[in-house]
Amino acid sequence: MDIAMWRIRTVPASTPADWDRLRALLAQSIGPDTSDPYALSLLFRTYLAEPRPAPPAAHAAMDRALALQPDSYEVRLLAVYSLAMRGRLEEIQASDPHSGMLGKRALDSLGTLRSSSPLPCTSGATPC
């Protein structure tokens, strides 16, 4: 899927329909089994790669991915993006259990989001 996303991003003639076809294939591969956190987070990542505002179903997929795999850096950071896009800054929790700089950078980014007004994806007082 990463190669497919790269191809769509790098072809100037790509359209939103190309992204929709990719997401349809991904949704078909996930099927009714929503127990693969990486497949669920990949669905959300397609919206970041396009870029297009993620619909509620993509955010729900990210919430489910985090519930399934809370210890994954990739899943946690994508969950932070998802929560930030929805204006849910108070719910974002950054942790860095391996004592690296990732947690500090995430907290710094959160501070920047809190200090900027309005949030990048808000229209008026209603978050995306």
C-alpha atoms as a PDB file:
ATOM      1  CA  MET A   1       0.000   0.000   0.000  1.00  0.00           C
ATOM      2  CA  ASP A   2       2.869   2.387   0.681  1.00  0.00           C
ATOM      3  CA  ILE A   3       4.040   1.949  -2.905  1.00  0.00           C
ATOM      4  CA  ALA A   4       0.520   2.569  -4.189  1.00  0.00           C
ATOM      5  CA  MET A   5       0.263   5.747  -2.085  1.00  0.00           C
ATOM      6  CA  TRP A   6       3.660   6.904  -3.358  1.00  0.00           C
ATOM      7  CA  ARG A   7       2.599   6.323  -6.970  1.00  0.00           C
ATOM      8  CA  ILE A   8      -0.615   8.286  -6.562  1.00  0.00           C
ATOM      9  CA  ARG A   9       1.216  11.161  -4.825  1.00  0.00           C
ATOM     10  CA  THR A  10       3.921  11.406  -7.482  1.00  0.00           C
ATOM     11  CA  VAL A  11       1.705  11.253 -10.577  1.00  0.00           C
ATOM     12  CA  PRO A  12       0.478  14.793 -11.333  1.00  0.00           C
ATOM     13  CA  ALA A  13      -2.630  13.475 -13.105  1.00  0.00           C
ATOM     14  CA  SER A  14      -3.829  11.599  -9.996  1.00  0.00           C
ATOM     15  CA  THR A  15      -7.327  12.444  -8.827  1.00  0.00           C
ATOM     16  CA  PRO A  16      -9.311  11.999  -5.613  1.00  0.00           C
ATOM     17  CA  ALA A  17     -10.942   9.004  -7.319  1.00  0.00           C
ATOM     18  CA  ASP A  18      -7.533   7.284  -7.378  1.00  0.00           C
ATOM     19  CA  TRP A  19      -7.336   7.659  -3.601  1.00  0.00           C
ATOM     20  CA  ASP A  20     -10.901   6.409  -3.231  1.00  0.00           C
ATOM     21  CA  ARG A  21     -10.066   3.270  -5.244  1.00  0.00           C
ATOM     22  CA  LEU A  22      -7.020   2.637  -3.059  1.00  0.00           C
ATOM     23  CA  ARG A  23      -9.114   3.051   0.086  1.00  0.00           C
ATOM     24  CA  ALA A  24     -11.782   0.720  -1.293  1.00  0.00           C
ATOM     25  CA  LEU A  25      -9.124  -1.967  -1.806  1.00  0.00           C
ATOM     26  CA  LEU A  26      -7.829  -1.388   1.703  1.00  0.00           C
ATOM     27  CA  ALA A  27     -11.330  -1.525   3.204  1.00  0.00           C
ATOM     28  CA  GLN A  28     -11.982  -4.738   1.295  1.00  0.00           C
ATOM     29  CA  SER A  29      -8.775  -6.283   2.640  1.00  0.00           C
ATOM     30  CA  ILE A  30      -9.686  -5.258   6.195  1.00  0.00           C
ATOM     31  CA  GLY A  31     -13.219  -6.584   5.759  1.00  0.00           C
ATOM     32  CA  PRO A  32     -15.281  -7.115   8.882  1.00  0.00           C
ATOM     33  CA  ASP A  33     -12.164  -8.099  10.871  1.00  0.00           C
ATOM     34  CA  THR A  34     -11.022  -4.894  12.505  1.00  0.00           C
ATOM     35  CA  SER A  35      -8.372  -6.449  14.696  1.00  0.00           C
ATOM     36  CA  ASP A  36      -5.315  -5.402  12.660  1.00  0.00           C
ATOM     37  CA  PRO A  37      -4.138  -2.051  14.042  1.00  0.00           C
ATOM     38  CA  TYR A  38      -1.706  -1.467  11.196  1.00  0.00           C
ATOM     39  CA  ALA A  39      -4.331  -1.921   8.486  1.00  0.00           C
ATOM     40  CA  LEU A  40      -6.650   0.423  10.383  1.00  0.00           C
ATOM     41  CA  SER A  41      -3.928   3.039  10.793  1.00  0.00           C
ATOM     42  CA  LEU A  42      -3.006   2.682   7.117  1.00  0.00           C
ATOM     43  CA  LEU A  43      -6.543   3.712   6.209  1.00  0.00           C
ATOM     44  CA  PHE A  44      -6.060   6.911   8.221  1.00  0.00           C
ATOM     45  CA  ARG A  45      -2.589   7.465   6.695  1.00  0.00           C
ATOM     46  CA  THR A  46      -4.081   7.571   3.202  1.00  0.00           C
ATOM     47  CA  TYR A  47      -5.845  10.802   4.144  1.00  0.00           C
ATOM     48  CA  LEU A  48      -2.609  12.325   5.422  1.00  0.00           C
ATOM     49  CA  ALA A  49      -0.855  11.324   2.208  1.00  0.00           C
ATOM     50  CA  GLU A  50      -3.533  12.677  -0.152  1.00  0.00           C
ATOM     51  CA  PRO A  51      -4.109  15.166   1.726  1.00  0.00           C
ATOM     52  CA  ARG A  52      -7.838  15.298   2.343  1.00  0.00           C
ATOM     53  CA  PRO A  53      -9.687  15.809   5.614  1.00  0.00           C
ATOM     54  CA  ALA A  54     -10.253  12.399   7.140  1.00  0.00           C
ATOM     55  CA  PRO A  55     -13.906  11.413   7.565  1.00  0.00           C
ATOM     56  CA  PRO A  56     -15.279  10.154  10.895  1.00  0.00           C
ATOM     57  CA  ALA A  57     -14.794   6.515   9.793  1.00  0.00           C
ATOM     58  CA  ALA A  58     -11.043   7.082   9.343  1.00  0.00           C
ATOM     59  CA  HIS A  59     -10.790   8.664  12.797  1.00  0.00           C
ATOM     60  CA  ALA A  60     -12.788   5.760  14.259  1.00  0.00           C
ATOM     61  CA  ALA A  61     -10.338   3.361  12.590  1.00  0.00           C
ATOM     62  CA  MET A  62      -7.464   5.238  14.217  1.00  0.00           C
ATOM     63  CA  ASP A  63      -9.156   5.117  17.631  1.00  0.00           C
ATOM     64  CA  ARG A  64      -9.601   1.348  17.219  1.00  0.00           C
ATOM     65  CA  ALA A  65      -5.968   0.926  16.108  1.00  0.00           C
ATOM     66  CA  LEU A  66      -4.761   2.734  19.227  1.00  0.00           C
ATOM     67  CA  ALA A  67      -6.962   0.574  21.446  1.00  0.00           C
ATOM     68  CA  LEU A  68      -5.500  -2.545  19.824  1.00  0.00           C
ATOM     69  CA  GLN A  69      -1.837  -1.481  19.784  1.00  0.00           C
ATOM     70  CA  PRO A  70      -1.190   1.334  22.286  1.00  0.00           C
ATOM     71  CA  ASP A  71       2.533   0.574  22.565  1.00  0.00           C
ATOM     72  CA  SER A  72       3.325   1.200  18.898  1.00  0.00           C
ATOM     73  CA  TYR A  73       5.059   4.534  18.233  1.00  0.00           C
ATOM     74  CA  GLU A  74       3.595   4.671  14.730  1.00  0.00           C
ATOM     75  CA  VAL A  75       0.046   4.035  15.931  1.00  0.00           C
ATOM     76  CA  ARG A  76       0.395   6.477  18.851  1.00  0.00           C
ATOM     77  CA  LEU A  77       1.691   9.299  16.653  1.00  0.00           C
ATOM     78  CA  LEU A  78      -1.018   8.754  14.054  1.00  0.00           C
ATOM     79  CA  ALA A  79      -3.556   8.794  16.895  1.00  0.00           C
ATOM     80  CA  VAL A  80      -2.128  12.149  18.010  1.00  0.00           C
ATOM     81  CA  TYR A  81      -2.675  13.518  14.493  1.00  0.00           C
ATOM     82  CA  SER A  82      -6.210  12.160  14.481  1.00  0.00           C
ATOM     83  CA  LEU A  83      -7.082  13.693  17.837  1.00  0.00           C
ATOM     84  CA  ALA A  84      -5.481  17.023  16.886  1.00  0.00           C
ATOM     85  CA  MET A  85      -7.416  17.153  13.614  1.00  0.00           C
ATOM     86  CA  ARG A  86     -10.611  16.767  15.619  1.00  0.00           C
ATOM     87  CA  GLY A  87      -9.598  19.501  18.050  1.00  0.00           C
ATOM     88  CA  ARG A  88      -9.387  17.010  20.928  1.00  0.00           C
ATOM     89  CA  LEU A  89      -6.099  18.345  22.284  1.00  0.00           C
ATOM     90  CA  GLU A  90      -6.910  17.565  25.914  1.00  0.00           C
ATOM     91  CA  GLU A  91      -7.123  13.852  25.097  1.00  0.00           C
ATOM     92  CA  ILE A  92      -3.681  13.643  23.554  1.00  0.00           C
ATOM     93  CA  GLN A  93      -1.225  11.800  25.749  1.00  0.00           C
ATOM     94  CA  ALA A  94       2.398  11.547  24.695  1.00  0.00           C
ATOM     95  CA  SER A  95       4.645   8.950  26.216  1.00  0.00           C
ATOM     96  CA  ASP A  96       8.176   7.908  25.516  1.00  0.00           C
ATOM     97  CA  PRO A  97       8.748   4.667  27.440  1.00  0.00           C
ATOM     98  CA  HIS A  98      12.210   4.154  25.978  1.00  0.00           C
ATOM     99  CA  SER A  99      13.582   7.523  27.150  1.00  0.00           C
ATOM    100  CA  GLY A 100      14.160   8.916  23.677  1.00  0.00           C
ATOM    101  CA  MET A 101      13.236  12.332  22.340  1.00  0.00           C
ATOM    102  CA  LEU A 102      10.021  11.253  20.584  1.00  0.00           C
ATOM    103  CA  GLY A 103       7.778  12.049  23.554  1.00  0.00           C
ATOM    104  CA  LYS A 104       9.365  15.482  24.021  1.00  0.00           C
ATOM    105  CA  ARG A 105       8.905  16.340  20.350  1.00  0.00           C
ATOM    106  CA  ALA A 106       5.275  15.228  20.491  1.00  0.00           C
ATOM    107  CA  LEU A 107       4.658  17.404  23.558  1.00  0.00           C
ATOM    108  CA  ASP A 108       6.397  20.362  21.891  1.00  0.00           C
ATOM    109  CA  SER A 109       4.164  19.937  18.836  1.00  0.00           C
ATOM    110  CA  LEU A 110       1.110  19.779  21.074  1.00  0.00           C
ATOM    111  CA  GLY A 111       2.184  23.026  22.738  1.00  0.00           C
ATOM    112  CA  THR A 112       2.491  24.664  19.329  1.00  0.00           C
ATOM    113  CA  LEU A 113      -0.996  23.457  18.392  1.00  0.00           C
ATOM    114  CA  ARG A 114      -2.433  24.806  21.623  1.00  0.00           C
ATOM    115  CA  SER A 115      -0.826  28.212  21.122  1.00  0.00           C
ATOM    116  CA  SER A 116      -1.940  28.622  17.512  1.00  0.00           C
ATOM    117  CA  SER A 117      -5.399  29.924  16.883  1.00  0.00           C
ATOM    118  CA  PRO A 118      -7.391  28.580  15.204  1.00  0.00           C
ATOM    119  CA  LEU A 119      -6.349  24.972  14.739  1.00  0.00           C
ATOM    120  CA  PRO A 120      -5.216  24.313  11.154  1.00  0.00           C
ATOM    121  CA  CYS A 121      -8.243  22.183  10.367  1.00  0.00           C
ATOM    122  CA  THR A 122     -10.978  24.145  12.087  1.00  0.00           C
ATOM    123  CA  SER A 123     -13.544  26.277  10.421  1.00  0.00           C
ATOM    124  CA  GLY A 124     -14.940  28.765  12.847  1.00  0.00           C
ATOM    125  CA  ALA A 125     -15.535  27.183  16.233  1.00  0.00           C
ATOM    126  CA  THR A 126     -16.301  23.718  14.862  1.00  0.00           C
ATOM    127  CA  PRO A 127     -13.359  21.290  14.703  1.00  0.00           C
ATOM    128  CA  CYS A 128     -12.963  19.023  11.682  1.00  0.00           C
END
